Protein backbone atom coordinates (compact mmCIF):
# COMPACT_ATOMS: atom_id res chain seq x y z
CA MET A 1 -16.27 -213.13 42.53
CA TYR A 2 -13.45 -210.80 43.59
CA LEU A 3 -12.97 -212.74 46.83
CA TYR A 4 -12.60 -216.05 44.99
CA LYS A 5 -10.16 -214.48 42.54
CA TYR A 6 -8.15 -213.02 45.42
CA LEU A 7 -8.05 -216.34 47.24
CA PHE A 8 -6.96 -218.14 44.06
CA ILE A 9 -4.17 -215.67 43.34
CA THR A 10 -3.01 -215.72 46.97
CA LEU A 11 -3.02 -219.51 47.04
CA LEU A 12 -1.17 -219.70 43.73
CA SER A 13 1.53 -217.21 44.75
CA THR A 14 1.93 -218.88 48.13
CA PHE A 15 2.21 -222.26 46.44
CA ILE A 16 4.95 -220.98 44.13
CA VAL A 17 6.96 -219.45 47.01
CA THR A 18 6.44 -222.52 49.17
CA GLN A 19 7.52 -224.86 46.40
CA SER A 20 10.64 -222.88 45.52
CA ILE A 21 11.81 -222.80 49.12
CA ALA A 22 10.92 -226.42 49.76
CA GLN A 23 12.65 -227.65 46.62
CA ALA A 24 15.89 -226.23 47.96
CA VAL A 25 15.82 -228.75 50.81
CA VAL A 26 14.00 -231.69 49.23
CA ALA A 27 17.08 -233.07 47.46
CA GLU A 28 19.12 -232.93 50.65
CA GLU A 29 16.22 -234.28 52.69
CA ALA A 30 15.88 -237.29 50.38
CA THR A 31 19.39 -238.46 51.31
CA ARG A 32 19.21 -237.43 54.96
CA PRO A 33 18.67 -240.36 57.34
CA GLU A 34 15.49 -240.36 59.39
CA PRO A 35 16.13 -238.77 62.80
CA LYS A 36 16.43 -241.15 65.72
CA TYR A 37 15.93 -238.24 68.12
CA GLU A 38 13.06 -235.87 67.40
CA PHE A 39 10.44 -234.19 69.56
CA ARG A 40 6.98 -234.90 68.13
CA GLY A 41 4.41 -233.20 70.30
CA VAL A 42 0.77 -232.18 70.25
CA TRP A 43 -1.20 -229.81 72.47
CA ILE A 44 -4.34 -231.16 74.13
CA ALA A 45 -6.29 -228.02 75.05
CA THR A 46 -8.83 -228.27 77.84
CA VAL A 47 -9.94 -224.63 78.02
CA VAL A 48 -13.57 -224.35 76.87
CA ASN A 49 -13.28 -228.08 76.06
CA LEU A 50 -11.40 -227.37 72.82
CA ASP A 51 -9.86 -230.84 72.63
CA TRP A 52 -10.75 -232.67 75.82
CA PRO A 53 -13.01 -233.52 77.49
CA GLN A 54 -15.37 -232.94 74.63
CA ASN A 55 -18.25 -233.03 77.11
CA ALA A 56 -17.69 -231.45 80.53
CA ARG A 57 -20.78 -233.16 81.92
CA ALA A 58 -19.93 -236.66 80.71
CA THR A 59 -19.18 -239.43 83.18
CA ALA A 60 -15.62 -240.21 84.17
CA GLU A 61 -15.67 -243.37 82.06
CA VAL A 62 -16.81 -241.49 78.95
CA GLN A 63 -14.13 -238.84 79.46
CA LYS A 64 -11.48 -241.53 79.93
CA ARG A 65 -12.52 -243.28 76.73
CA ASP A 66 -12.40 -239.94 74.92
CA LEU A 67 -8.83 -239.29 76.09
CA ILE A 68 -7.68 -242.84 75.33
CA ALA A 69 -9.07 -242.55 71.81
CA GLN A 70 -7.07 -239.35 71.24
CA LEU A 71 -3.90 -240.84 72.69
CA ASN A 72 -4.30 -243.97 70.56
CA SER A 73 -4.70 -241.82 67.47
CA HIS A 74 -1.57 -239.81 68.31
CA GLN A 75 0.42 -242.96 69.02
CA GLN A 76 -0.52 -244.34 65.61
CA THR A 77 0.50 -241.04 64.01
CA GLY A 78 3.94 -241.22 65.62
CA ILE A 79 3.59 -238.53 68.29
CA ASN A 80 5.94 -239.02 71.25
CA ALA A 81 4.95 -236.14 73.56
CA ILE A 82 1.68 -234.70 74.86
CA MET A 83 1.28 -231.09 76.05
CA PHE A 84 -1.67 -231.55 78.39
CA GLN A 85 -3.39 -228.39 79.65
CA VAL A 86 -3.85 -228.77 83.40
CA ARG A 87 -4.53 -225.15 84.47
CA PRO A 88 -6.58 -223.15 81.98
CA ALA A 89 -7.67 -220.34 84.35
CA ALA A 90 -6.43 -220.61 87.96
CA ASP A 91 -8.23 -223.95 88.17
CA ALA A 92 -7.10 -227.57 88.10
CA PHE A 93 -7.31 -230.79 86.14
CA TYR A 94 -5.63 -232.62 89.01
CA ALA A 95 -6.61 -233.54 92.56
CA LYS A 96 -3.50 -232.46 94.47
CA SER A 97 -4.06 -228.77 93.89
CA ARG A 98 -4.54 -225.61 95.92
CA GLU A 99 -6.96 -224.36 93.25
CA PRO A 100 -10.54 -225.53 92.58
CA TRP A 101 -11.45 -228.18 90.04
CA SER A 102 -11.95 -226.79 86.55
CA LYS A 103 -15.48 -226.24 85.30
CA TYR A 104 -14.37 -227.81 82.02
CA LEU A 105 -14.35 -231.17 83.80
CA THR A 106 -17.73 -231.25 85.50
CA GLY A 107 -19.57 -228.17 84.27
CA LYS A 108 -19.14 -226.35 87.59
CA GLN A 109 -15.96 -224.96 89.05
CA GLY A 110 -14.99 -226.69 92.27
CA GLU A 111 -17.08 -229.79 91.62
CA ALA A 112 -14.87 -232.88 91.74
CA PRO A 113 -14.83 -235.58 89.07
CA ASP A 114 -14.65 -239.24 90.06
CA TYR A 115 -10.99 -239.56 89.09
CA ASP A 116 -7.73 -237.62 88.81
CA PRO A 117 -7.45 -236.62 85.12
CA LEU A 118 -3.75 -235.71 85.25
CA GLU A 119 -2.78 -238.96 86.93
CA PHE A 120 -4.84 -240.87 84.40
CA ALA A 121 -3.36 -238.94 81.46
CA VAL A 122 0.22 -239.49 82.65
CA ASP A 123 -0.31 -243.23 83.06
CA GLU A 124 -1.98 -243.62 79.68
CA ALA A 125 0.61 -241.50 77.84
CA HIS A 126 3.48 -243.47 79.35
CA LYS A 127 1.81 -246.76 78.40
CA ARG A 128 1.97 -245.52 74.81
CA ASN A 129 5.63 -244.47 75.12
CA MET A 130 4.80 -240.77 75.05
CA GLU A 131 6.06 -238.06 77.38
CA LEU A 132 3.50 -235.87 79.11
CA HIS A 133 4.24 -232.21 79.81
CA ALA A 134 1.86 -230.43 82.19
CA TRP A 135 0.74 -227.24 80.43
CA PHE A 136 0.00 -224.21 82.62
CA ASN A 137 -1.49 -220.86 81.75
CA PRO A 138 0.43 -218.72 84.26
CA TYR A 139 -1.55 -215.49 84.60
CA ARG A 140 -5.11 -216.04 83.33
CA ALA A 141 -7.50 -216.28 86.28
CA THR A 142 -10.83 -216.40 84.43
CA PHE A 143 -11.74 -217.08 80.81
CA ASP A 144 -14.90 -214.98 80.86
CA ASN A 145 -16.63 -212.32 82.95
CA LYS A 146 -18.99 -214.67 84.75
CA PHE A 147 -17.35 -213.93 88.09
CA SER A 148 -20.47 -214.79 90.11
CA VAL A 149 -20.18 -218.50 89.28
CA LEU A 150 -16.57 -218.85 90.42
CA ALA A 151 -15.97 -221.22 93.32
CA SER A 152 -15.99 -219.63 96.76
CA ASP A 153 -12.34 -220.59 97.27
CA HIS A 154 -11.17 -219.36 93.86
CA ILE A 155 -8.11 -217.15 94.25
CA THR A 156 -9.88 -214.14 92.71
CA ARG A 157 -12.29 -214.26 95.65
CA THR A 158 -9.76 -214.86 98.41
CA LYS A 159 -7.11 -212.45 97.07
CA PRO A 160 -9.00 -209.87 94.94
CA GLU A 161 -6.14 -207.36 95.29
CA TRP A 162 -3.90 -209.60 93.16
CA PHE A 163 -5.87 -209.05 89.94
CA PHE A 164 -6.75 -206.54 87.25
CA VAL A 165 -9.52 -206.84 84.67
CA TYR A 166 -8.59 -206.66 80.99
CA GLU A 167 -11.03 -207.33 78.15
CA GLY A 168 -13.55 -208.54 80.70
CA ILE A 169 -11.43 -211.26 82.29
CA LYS A 170 -9.39 -211.27 85.47
CA LEU A 171 -5.62 -211.61 85.20
CA PHE A 172 -2.98 -212.01 87.88
CA ASN A 173 -0.87 -208.90 88.33
CA PRO A 174 2.69 -210.11 87.62
CA GLY A 175 4.21 -207.13 89.44
CA ILE A 176 3.10 -208.32 92.88
CA PRO A 177 5.77 -210.54 94.52
CA GLU A 178 3.16 -212.68 96.29
CA VAL A 179 1.57 -213.49 92.93
CA ARG A 180 4.84 -214.85 91.60
CA GLU A 181 5.38 -216.95 94.71
CA TYR A 182 1.84 -218.28 94.51
CA ILE A 183 2.24 -219.36 90.86
CA VAL A 184 5.50 -221.13 91.69
CA GLN A 185 3.76 -223.08 94.44
CA VAL A 186 0.89 -223.98 92.10
CA VAL A 187 3.37 -225.45 89.62
CA LEU A 188 5.30 -227.25 92.36
CA ASP A 189 2.11 -229.04 93.42
CA VAL A 190 2.35 -230.89 90.10
CA VAL A 191 6.14 -231.26 90.13
CA LYS A 192 6.07 -232.88 93.57
CA ASN A 193 3.00 -235.06 93.17
CA TYR A 194 2.81 -236.26 89.56
CA ASP A 195 5.08 -238.27 87.29
CA VAL A 196 5.04 -235.69 84.50
CA ASP A 197 8.02 -235.36 82.17
CA GLY A 198 7.96 -231.60 81.86
CA ILE A 199 6.39 -228.30 82.85
CA HIS A 200 5.12 -226.29 79.90
CA MET A 201 3.83 -222.71 79.73
CA ASP A 202 2.03 -221.01 76.87
CA ASP A 203 2.28 -217.46 75.52
CA TYR A 204 -0.13 -215.65 77.85
CA PHE A 205 2.04 -213.54 80.15
CA TYR A 206 0.95 -209.90 80.14
CA PRO A 207 -2.17 -209.64 77.96
CA TYR A 208 -2.05 -209.02 74.23
CA PRO A 209 -2.85 -205.34 73.47
CA ALA A 210 -6.51 -204.58 72.86
CA ARG A 211 -7.97 -201.30 71.68
CA GLY A 212 -9.30 -199.18 74.53
CA GLN A 213 -7.82 -201.42 77.24
CA THR A 214 -5.33 -200.44 79.92
CA ILE A 215 -3.24 -202.64 82.19
CA ASN A 216 -4.18 -201.32 85.61
CA ASP A 217 -0.92 -201.92 87.44
CA ALA A 218 0.01 -198.34 88.35
CA ASP A 219 -0.31 -199.02 92.08
CA ALA A 220 1.95 -202.06 91.89
CA TYR A 221 4.46 -200.11 89.82
CA ALA A 222 4.46 -197.31 92.39
CA GLU A 223 5.06 -199.80 95.19
CA TYR A 224 7.51 -202.24 93.57
CA GLY A 225 8.98 -200.47 90.52
CA GLY A 226 11.42 -198.15 92.25
CA ASP A 227 14.44 -199.53 90.37
CA PHE A 228 12.90 -198.84 86.96
CA ASP A 229 12.34 -195.59 85.06
CA ASN A 230 10.17 -197.36 82.50
CA VAL A 231 7.08 -199.39 83.34
CA LYS A 232 7.72 -201.63 80.31
CA ASP A 233 11.14 -202.67 81.58
CA TRP A 234 9.62 -203.28 85.02
CA ARG A 235 6.95 -205.52 83.50
CA ARG A 236 9.57 -207.54 81.61
CA ASP A 237 11.55 -207.90 84.81
CA ASN A 238 8.46 -209.19 86.62
CA VAL A 239 8.05 -212.00 84.09
CA ASP A 240 11.80 -212.68 84.17
CA LYS A 241 11.61 -213.12 87.92
CA LEU A 242 8.79 -215.67 87.64
CA ILE A 243 10.59 -217.75 85.00
CA HIS A 244 13.85 -217.69 86.98
CA MET A 245 12.05 -218.70 90.19
CA LEU A 246 10.26 -221.51 88.38
CA ALA A 247 13.45 -222.81 86.81
CA ASP A 248 15.27 -222.92 90.13
CA SER A 249 12.33 -224.47 91.99
CA ILE A 250 11.44 -227.11 89.39
CA HIS A 251 15.03 -228.31 89.05
CA LYS A 252 15.59 -228.23 92.80
CA TYR A 253 12.79 -230.73 93.39
CA LYS A 254 13.31 -232.77 90.23
CA PRO A 255 16.67 -232.14 88.52
CA THR A 256 15.65 -234.07 85.41
CA MET A 257 12.29 -232.30 84.96
CA LYS A 258 12.08 -230.43 81.65
CA PHE A 259 10.86 -226.83 81.69
CA GLY A 260 9.74 -225.17 78.46
CA ILE A 261 7.90 -222.12 77.17
CA SER A 262 5.75 -221.73 74.06
CA PRO A 263 5.81 -218.02 73.20
CA PHE A 264 4.27 -216.03 70.38
CA GLY A 265 6.19 -216.74 67.17
CA ILE A 266 7.97 -213.37 67.00
CA TRP A 267 10.30 -212.34 69.83
CA ALA A 268 10.82 -208.84 68.42
CA ASN A 269 10.89 -207.29 64.98
CA ARG A 270 14.18 -205.78 63.87
CA SER A 271 12.44 -202.40 63.72
CA GLN A 272 11.77 -202.76 67.46
CA HIS A 273 15.07 -204.30 68.58
CA PRO A 274 18.42 -204.64 66.78
CA ASP A 275 18.51 -208.36 67.57
CA GLY A 276 15.00 -209.00 66.28
CA SER A 277 13.83 -210.91 63.22
CA GLU A 278 13.12 -209.61 59.71
CA THR A 279 9.39 -209.55 60.36
CA ASN A 280 6.59 -207.04 60.82
CA GLY A 281 4.11 -208.36 63.34
CA GLY A 282 3.22 -208.45 67.00
CA SER A 283 5.98 -209.57 69.33
CA SER A 284 6.27 -211.15 72.76
CA TYR A 285 9.07 -208.80 73.87
CA ILE A 286 7.02 -205.66 73.21
CA GLU A 287 3.43 -206.81 73.65
CA ASN A 288 3.58 -209.56 76.29
CA PHE A 289 6.66 -208.20 78.09
CA ALA A 290 8.12 -211.70 77.78
CA ASP A 291 11.85 -211.71 77.00
CA THR A 292 11.91 -215.34 75.92
CA ARG A 293 15.29 -214.97 74.22
CA LYS A 294 16.83 -213.91 77.54
CA TRP A 295 15.43 -217.02 79.23
CA MET A 296 17.33 -219.14 76.74
CA GLN A 297 20.48 -217.07 77.14
CA GLU A 298 20.36 -217.45 80.91
CA GLY A 299 19.64 -221.19 80.72
CA TRP A 300 16.44 -220.84 82.72
CA ILE A 301 14.40 -222.95 80.33
CA ASP A 302 15.25 -226.23 78.65
CA TYR A 303 13.31 -225.73 75.45
CA ILE A 304 11.60 -222.98 73.51
CA ASN A 305 8.50 -223.83 71.49
CA PRO A 306 7.63 -220.70 69.45
CA GLN A 307 4.24 -220.68 67.79
CA ILE A 308 5.26 -220.03 64.18
CA TYR A 309 1.72 -220.16 62.87
CA TRP A 310 2.42 -218.47 59.51
CA HIS A 311 3.13 -220.05 56.17
CA ILE A 312 6.33 -220.23 54.18
CA GLY A 313 6.81 -216.98 52.26
CA TYR A 314 4.23 -215.04 54.30
CA ARG A 315 4.88 -211.33 53.67
CA LEU A 316 4.81 -210.11 57.28
CA ALA A 317 6.26 -213.09 59.12
CA PRO A 318 7.69 -215.83 56.86
CA PHE A 319 7.91 -219.23 58.49
CA GLU A 320 11.39 -219.85 57.10
CA LYS A 321 12.85 -216.59 58.44
CA LEU A 322 11.40 -217.15 61.88
CA LEU A 323 12.66 -220.72 61.97
CA ASN A 324 16.16 -219.48 61.17
CA TRP A 325 15.94 -216.64 63.69
CA TRP A 326 14.88 -218.90 66.54
CA SER A 327 17.46 -221.52 65.61
CA ASN A 328 20.17 -218.83 65.83
CA ASN A 329 18.97 -217.85 69.30
CA THR A 330 18.64 -221.18 71.10
CA TYR A 331 21.88 -220.84 73.11
CA ASN A 332 22.35 -224.61 73.14
CA ARG A 333 18.86 -225.33 74.40
CA HIS A 334 16.23 -227.18 72.39
CA LEU A 335 13.98 -225.66 69.74
CA TYR A 336 10.62 -227.31 69.06
CA VAL A 337 8.58 -225.44 66.46
CA GLY A 338 4.89 -224.84 67.10
CA GLN A 339 2.95 -225.61 63.91
CA ALA A 340 -0.64 -224.85 63.00
CA PRO A 341 -2.70 -227.60 61.35
CA TYR A 342 -5.79 -225.93 62.87
CA ARG A 343 -5.44 -223.16 60.28
CA PHE A 344 -6.66 -225.56 57.60
CA TYR A 345 -10.14 -224.92 59.00
CA GLU A 346 -9.85 -221.13 58.72
CA PRO A 347 -11.62 -219.83 55.59
CA ARG A 348 -9.12 -216.99 55.07
CA SER A 349 -5.93 -219.06 55.39
CA PRO A 350 -5.49 -220.25 51.78
CA ALA A 351 -1.85 -221.26 52.28
CA TYR A 352 -2.95 -223.89 54.78
CA LYS A 353 -5.32 -225.39 52.22
CA ASN A 354 -2.19 -226.53 50.39
CA PRO A 355 -1.51 -230.11 51.62
CA SER A 356 2.23 -229.54 51.12
CA GLU A 357 2.46 -226.51 53.44
CA ILE A 358 3.12 -228.23 56.77
CA PRO A 359 5.14 -231.09 55.19
CA ASN A 360 7.37 -228.45 53.59
CA GLN A 361 7.70 -226.73 56.97
CA LEU A 362 8.76 -230.07 58.42
CA ARG A 363 11.41 -230.45 55.73
CA LEU A 364 12.81 -227.05 56.64
CA ILE A 365 12.83 -227.95 60.34
CA ARG A 366 14.66 -231.20 59.70
CA ALA A 367 17.19 -229.45 57.48
CA ASN A 368 18.02 -227.07 60.33
CA PRO A 369 20.59 -228.67 62.69
CA ARG A 370 19.53 -226.49 65.62
CA ALA A 371 15.86 -227.48 65.52
CA GLN A 372 14.84 -230.69 67.29
CA GLY A 373 11.18 -231.15 66.46
CA SER A 374 7.61 -229.89 66.32
CA VAL A 375 4.48 -229.45 68.41
CA TYR A 376 1.10 -229.27 66.68
CA PHE A 377 -1.85 -227.13 67.65
CA ARG A 378 -4.03 -228.93 68.29
CA SER A 379 -5.16 -232.46 69.17
CA GLN A 380 -8.50 -232.49 67.36
CA SER A 381 -6.87 -231.14 64.19
CA LEU A 382 -4.48 -234.08 64.12
CA VAL A 383 -7.12 -236.61 65.13
CA GLY A 384 -9.35 -235.19 62.40
CA ASN A 385 -6.51 -235.60 59.89
CA ALA A 386 -6.72 -231.95 58.84
CA ASN A 387 -5.60 -231.69 55.20
CA HIS A 388 -4.32 -235.28 55.48
CA LEU A 389 -1.50 -234.20 57.81
CA ALA A 390 -1.84 -237.23 60.09
CA ASP A 391 -1.56 -239.46 57.02
CA SER A 392 1.60 -237.63 55.92
CA LEU A 393 3.13 -238.03 59.36
CA LYS A 394 2.19 -241.68 59.71
CA GLU A 395 3.23 -242.75 56.23
CA ASP A 396 6.23 -240.52 55.70
CA PHE A 397 7.75 -238.21 58.31
CA TYR A 398 6.96 -240.32 61.39
CA ARG A 399 7.00 -243.73 59.73
CA TYR A 400 9.75 -244.84 62.11
CA PRO A 401 9.82 -244.24 65.86
CA ALA A 402 11.94 -241.51 67.46
CA LEU A 403 13.06 -240.70 70.98
CA PRO A 404 12.74 -237.19 72.43
CA PRO A 405 16.23 -235.70 72.26
CA PRO A 406 18.37 -235.91 75.45
CA MET A 407 19.13 -232.75 77.42
CA LEU A 408 22.76 -233.16 78.35
CA TRP A 409 22.83 -230.05 80.55
CA LEU A 410 20.32 -231.78 82.86
CA ASP A 411 21.79 -235.28 82.69
CA SER A 412 24.57 -236.63 80.50
CA VAL A 413 25.20 -239.97 82.24
CA PRO A 414 23.73 -242.96 80.39
CA PRO A 415 22.46 -246.07 82.16
CA ASN A 416 24.29 -249.36 82.00
CA ALA A 417 23.25 -252.01 79.50
CA PRO A 418 20.51 -254.50 80.36
CA GLN A 419 21.67 -257.91 81.56
CA ASN A 420 20.86 -261.57 80.86
CA PHE A 421 19.25 -260.95 77.48
CA ILE A 422 17.60 -264.03 76.04
CA GLY A 423 15.08 -264.86 73.31
CA LYS A 424 13.10 -267.88 72.25
CA ALA A 425 10.54 -268.83 69.66
CA GLU A 426 7.00 -269.30 70.97
CA LYS A 427 4.41 -270.53 68.46
CA LYS A 428 4.11 -267.68 65.94
CA SER A 429 6.13 -265.11 67.91
CA ILE A 430 9.49 -264.50 69.56
CA LEU A 431 9.69 -263.78 73.29
CA LEU A 432 12.51 -261.51 74.48
CA LYS A 433 13.49 -261.17 78.14
CA TRP A 434 16.25 -259.35 80.00
CA SER A 435 17.18 -258.11 83.47
CA MET A 436 17.54 -254.57 84.71
CA PRO A 437 21.04 -253.14 84.36
CA LEU A 438 23.40 -252.42 87.22
CA PRO A 439 22.99 -248.92 88.73
CA ALA A 440 24.31 -246.06 86.60
CA LYS A 441 27.21 -243.90 87.75
CA ASP A 442 24.77 -241.19 88.83
CA ASN A 443 22.32 -243.74 90.31
CA GLU A 444 19.62 -242.43 87.97
CA PRO A 445 17.05 -245.23 87.70
CA VAL A 446 16.29 -246.95 84.43
CA TYR A 447 13.15 -245.57 82.83
CA GLY A 448 12.70 -247.61 79.67
CA TYR A 449 14.16 -249.78 76.95
CA VAL A 450 14.67 -249.81 73.19
CA VAL A 451 14.46 -253.12 71.31
CA TYR A 452 16.29 -253.28 67.97
CA ARG A 453 15.81 -255.97 65.34
CA PHE A 454 17.90 -256.91 62.30
CA GLN A 455 17.67 -259.56 59.66
CA VAL A 456 20.36 -261.45 57.79
CA ASN A 457 22.72 -259.17 55.83
CA GLU A 458 21.34 -256.00 57.45
CA LYS A 459 23.79 -253.49 58.91
CA PHE A 460 23.71 -253.39 62.72
CA ASP A 461 23.17 -249.62 62.92
CA LEU A 462 21.59 -248.42 66.16
CA GLY A 463 21.52 -244.87 64.86
CA ASP A 464 18.99 -245.73 62.17
CA PRO A 465 15.42 -245.65 63.55
CA ARG A 466 14.31 -248.15 60.89
CA ASN A 467 15.96 -250.76 63.11
CA ILE A 468 13.96 -249.81 66.21
CA LEU A 469 11.37 -252.49 66.79
CA HIS A 470 9.90 -251.14 70.01
CA ILE A 471 10.31 -248.42 72.66
CA GLN A 472 8.80 -248.91 76.10
CA TYR A 473 8.63 -246.84 79.29
CA ASN A 474 8.06 -248.00 82.86
CA THR A 475 7.31 -251.60 81.99
CA GLU A 476 8.58 -255.08 82.70
CA PRO A 477 11.81 -256.14 80.91
CA VAL A 478 10.03 -258.31 78.39
CA TYR A 479 8.77 -257.93 74.82
CA LEU A 480 6.84 -260.26 72.51
CA ASP A 481 7.65 -259.80 68.82
CA THR A 482 4.62 -260.98 66.86
CA ASN A 483 5.60 -259.47 63.51
CA VAL A 484 7.75 -262.43 62.44
CA GLN A 485 7.68 -265.03 59.67
CA PRO A 486 8.22 -268.80 59.96
CA GLY A 487 11.63 -270.00 58.83
CA LYS A 488 13.34 -266.63 59.27
CA THR A 489 16.19 -265.74 61.61
CA TYR A 490 16.07 -262.46 63.51
CA PHE A 491 18.84 -260.69 65.42
CA TYR A 492 18.04 -258.58 68.47
CA VAL A 493 19.76 -256.19 70.87
CA VAL A 494 18.29 -254.12 73.72
CA THR A 495 19.41 -250.85 75.28
CA ALA A 496 18.27 -249.06 78.45
CA LEU A 497 17.01 -245.47 78.76
CA ASP A 498 16.96 -243.08 81.68
CA ARG A 499 14.29 -240.43 82.17
CA LEU A 500 15.98 -237.97 79.80
CA LYS A 501 16.45 -240.59 77.09
CA ASN A 502 20.18 -241.07 77.55
CA GLU A 503 20.80 -244.50 76.05
CA SER A 504 23.04 -247.30 77.30
CA GLU A 505 25.39 -249.49 75.35
CA ARG A 506 23.65 -252.44 73.72
CA THR A 507 23.38 -255.96 74.97
CA PRO A 508 25.17 -258.79 73.16
CA THR A 509 23.29 -259.80 70.02
CA ILE A 510 21.01 -262.81 70.15
CA ALA A 511 19.70 -264.69 67.11
CA VAL A 512 16.35 -266.46 67.13
CA THR A 513 14.91 -268.55 64.30
CA LEU A 514 11.19 -269.04 64.09
CA PRO A 515 10.63 -272.66 63.02
CA ALA A 516 9.12 -273.23 59.61
CA LEU A 517 5.52 -274.43 59.59
């Protein structure tokens, strides 16, 4: 009985705090136009088959259908970016890799599937007008202690001196220079060979502290830490070096490739660092030796995606305070907030039983001018419509399409407008055609198009996403509008997009009348 009373009181107090904070932005939010540019991502976790494939021993066709069903669901929800886990534990979900195939694909590490999952995922995401970011776990080499079943060519077997064991799993030692170089080359295998939109890393750098566990890197510190009096500063520098190397290498090979990190939700508490947040929890700066704020300051990463997995008004780490802290430390890079619909399924997370919790978080994010979107953990929680969140997104927050926001520090030159735009009525639809634009000033190729539609007496506002009829990537310059009524006149314009979603000027307007029946 005490537990139920405690949960009720906690839920009630959380609801009151959440409502009071949310009400402060609801009035403003009601008059705020829907964002045309917003990052709307979801993580698809492959480790231990959390999201996909749901059956590691299923045939390629079954796995493909499973992924397509998830992507279709996310498209209908309004998601425009997929964080697809391609390297859970020094293994691969892609063919062009120096590491063995993941056991989460076929049940046995090193055993090849009958297709290239990353290539398939990229193609299918782009068909649905969604970006795909290849998600890497940088330092985890195994997910369990079953070392005897690792593939014979697994890196822990060929380079055992590169690893230490912590909580029963093998982890790369970040202090060894060859380890950093190896990880860079692993990532570049994907950058060079796959049409991904971004490289994404999660929060697992040095391991989270565990009682009775020691990071066994004393030998590496003795050999490589001569410039540091403190092993903690040396460890932070090791991770800094990897991120800097990755940034330089990724952008050297593909200047428009996005590079982002998803750290633990607290960089540092103010009690630990004068620049930290007003929180009292674990922190990436202290515990993971990951100075994510520095990476933003230095411009090494293009976006930060902190996992703020706590509710509004939470005593130790309030969502609203962390949102504001991160937004004040973006240094003109993008901030996408990691949100936690999965917590609805946790029995001791009463705040997440409130169906308004994540919608209120979204209102706070949208009210913050230095936040550009959200990423949800995880795919099955959204597909399962946890606490009706997918319904809320589909019917309210993501009712209209949005483009991922441009990154002007990577590319600020828009394409030219499409040419030869025409439209004609065909039976019960309107066919639109155009030609590719002339080359842009930077010769960046056209990547997609946006079709806008207006009706009589409607304002021709291209900044209002309600007027976006369709967004398409990597397709022919043609679109069939089937959502039309006989006897009505429709006005259309088309713009071109480059890879980073810089948008061209619009074409001249065309008017097409669908004949009355």
